[in-house]
Amino acid sequence: MTETLRRLVISKIQKIELKTLAEFMAELLHNKNFGYYATRDPLGSIGDCTTTREIPQIFGELTGLRVLHPLQQREFLITMRINERAER
């Protein structure tokens, strides 16, 4: 969050212009000059959004790391077979 947007939001909260969480989030995301969507494109190769097609792959990789890392720390020698089942 930029300093300008932070000051704007604090000012609106103090003036009771932002009464709900929905209004607060709308201001942060959609403010025409300083909001998240006005200042960047969240999509594309440099964006920070991910697509639903990427989620299962990321989940699988992170789960595998979560299981293997503690075992590697203890120097367990293990052989694993990982089968992936995808619904198509």
Protein backbone atom coordinates (compact mmCIF):
# COMPACT_ATOMS: atom_id res chain seq x y z
CA MET A 1 0.00 0.00 0.00
CA THR A 2 1.40 3.38 -0.93
CA GLU A 3 1.76 6.08 1.70
CA THR A 4 -0.76 8.25 -0.15
CA LEU A 5 -3.38 5.50 -0.16
CA ARG A 6 -2.67 4.74 3.49
CA ARG A 7 -3.25 8.38 4.47
CA LEU A 8 -6.42 8.53 2.34
CA VAL A 9 -7.87 5.40 3.96
CA ILE A 10 -7.00 6.58 7.49
CA SER A 11 -8.65 9.93 6.77
CA LYS A 12 -11.82 8.22 5.50
CA ILE A 13 -11.92 5.91 8.52
CA GLN A 14 -11.57 8.88 10.88
CA LYS A 15 -14.39 10.71 9.06
CA ILE A 16 -16.52 7.54 9.30
CA GLU A 17 -16.74 7.34 5.51
CA LEU A 18 -15.65 3.70 5.55
CA LYS A 19 -18.13 1.94 7.82
CA THR A 20 -17.77 -1.68 6.77
CA LEU A 21 -15.00 -4.06 5.82
CA ALA A 22 -16.50 -4.19 2.31
CA GLU A 23 -16.16 -0.40 1.94
CA PHE A 24 -12.60 -0.54 3.28
CA MET A 25 -11.56 -3.28 0.83
CA ALA A 26 -13.33 -1.54 -2.07
CA GLU A 27 -11.33 1.63 -1.37
CA LEU A 28 -8.02 -0.27 -1.23
CA LEU A 29 -8.72 -2.22 -4.39
CA HIS A 30 -10.69 0.18 -6.58
CA ASN A 31 -9.64 3.73 -5.69
CA LYS A 32 -9.23 5.40 -9.11
CA ASN A 33 -5.88 6.99 -8.32
CA PHE A 34 -4.15 4.77 -5.78
CA GLY A 35 -6.06 1.48 -5.58
CA TYR A 36 -4.55 -1.91 -6.28
CA TYR A 37 -6.23 -2.37 -9.67
CA ALA A 38 -5.57 1.23 -10.77
CA THR A 39 -1.84 1.01 -10.16
CA ARG A 40 -0.96 -2.40 -11.62
CA ASP A 41 -2.15 -5.26 -13.79
CA PRO A 42 -2.44 -8.31 -11.52
CA LEU A 43 -2.67 -10.70 -14.48
CA GLY A 44 0.02 -11.92 -16.85
CA SER A 45 3.55 -13.14 -16.36
CA ILE A 46 4.51 -10.36 -13.93
CA GLY A 47 1.17 -10.26 -12.13
CA ASP A 48 0.43 -11.78 -8.74
CA CYS A 49 -2.75 -13.68 -9.54
CA THR A 50 -2.70 -17.37 -10.34
CA THR A 51 -5.16 -19.42 -12.36
CA THR A 52 -7.15 -22.38 -11.13
CA ARG A 53 -5.20 -24.68 -13.43
CA GLU A 54 -2.02 -23.91 -11.51
CA ILE A 55 -3.46 -24.52 -8.04
CA PRO A 56 -3.39 -28.37 -8.01
CA GLN A 57 0.20 -28.40 -9.27
CA ILE A 58 1.30 -25.89 -6.63
CA PHE A 59 -0.60 -27.77 -3.91
CA GLY A 60 1.05 -31.06 -4.87
CA GLU A 61 4.53 -29.57 -4.93
CA LEU A 62 4.10 -27.84 -1.57
CA THR A 63 2.61 -30.97 0.02
CA GLY A 64 5.53 -33.03 -1.24
CA LEU A 65 8.03 -30.55 0.16
CA ARG A 66 6.19 -30.48 3.48
CA VAL A 67 6.49 -34.27 3.74
CA LEU A 68 10.03 -34.69 2.43
CA HIS A 69 11.81 -31.78 4.10
CA PRO A 70 11.55 -33.08 7.70
CA LEU A 71 12.70 -36.50 6.55
CA GLN A 72 15.69 -35.00 4.76
CA GLN A 73 16.56 -32.99 7.86
CA ARG A 74 16.79 -36.26 9.80
CA GLU A 75 18.76 -37.89 6.97
CA PHE A 76 16.24 -40.64 6.36
CA LEU A 77 16.97 -42.59 3.24
CA ILE A 78 13.64 -43.34 1.67
CA THR A 79 12.31 -44.52 -1.62
CA MET A 80 8.96 -43.12 -2.63
CA ARG A 81 6.62 -43.59 -5.49
CA ILE A 82 4.26 -40.71 -6.10
CA ASN A 83 1.23 -41.29 -8.25
CA GLU A 84 -0.76 -38.35 -9.47
CA ARG A 85 -4.39 -38.78 -10.32
CA ALA A 86 -5.99 -35.99 -12.29
CA GLU A 87 -9.68 -35.65 -13.04
CA ARG A 88 -10.22 -34.78 -16.67
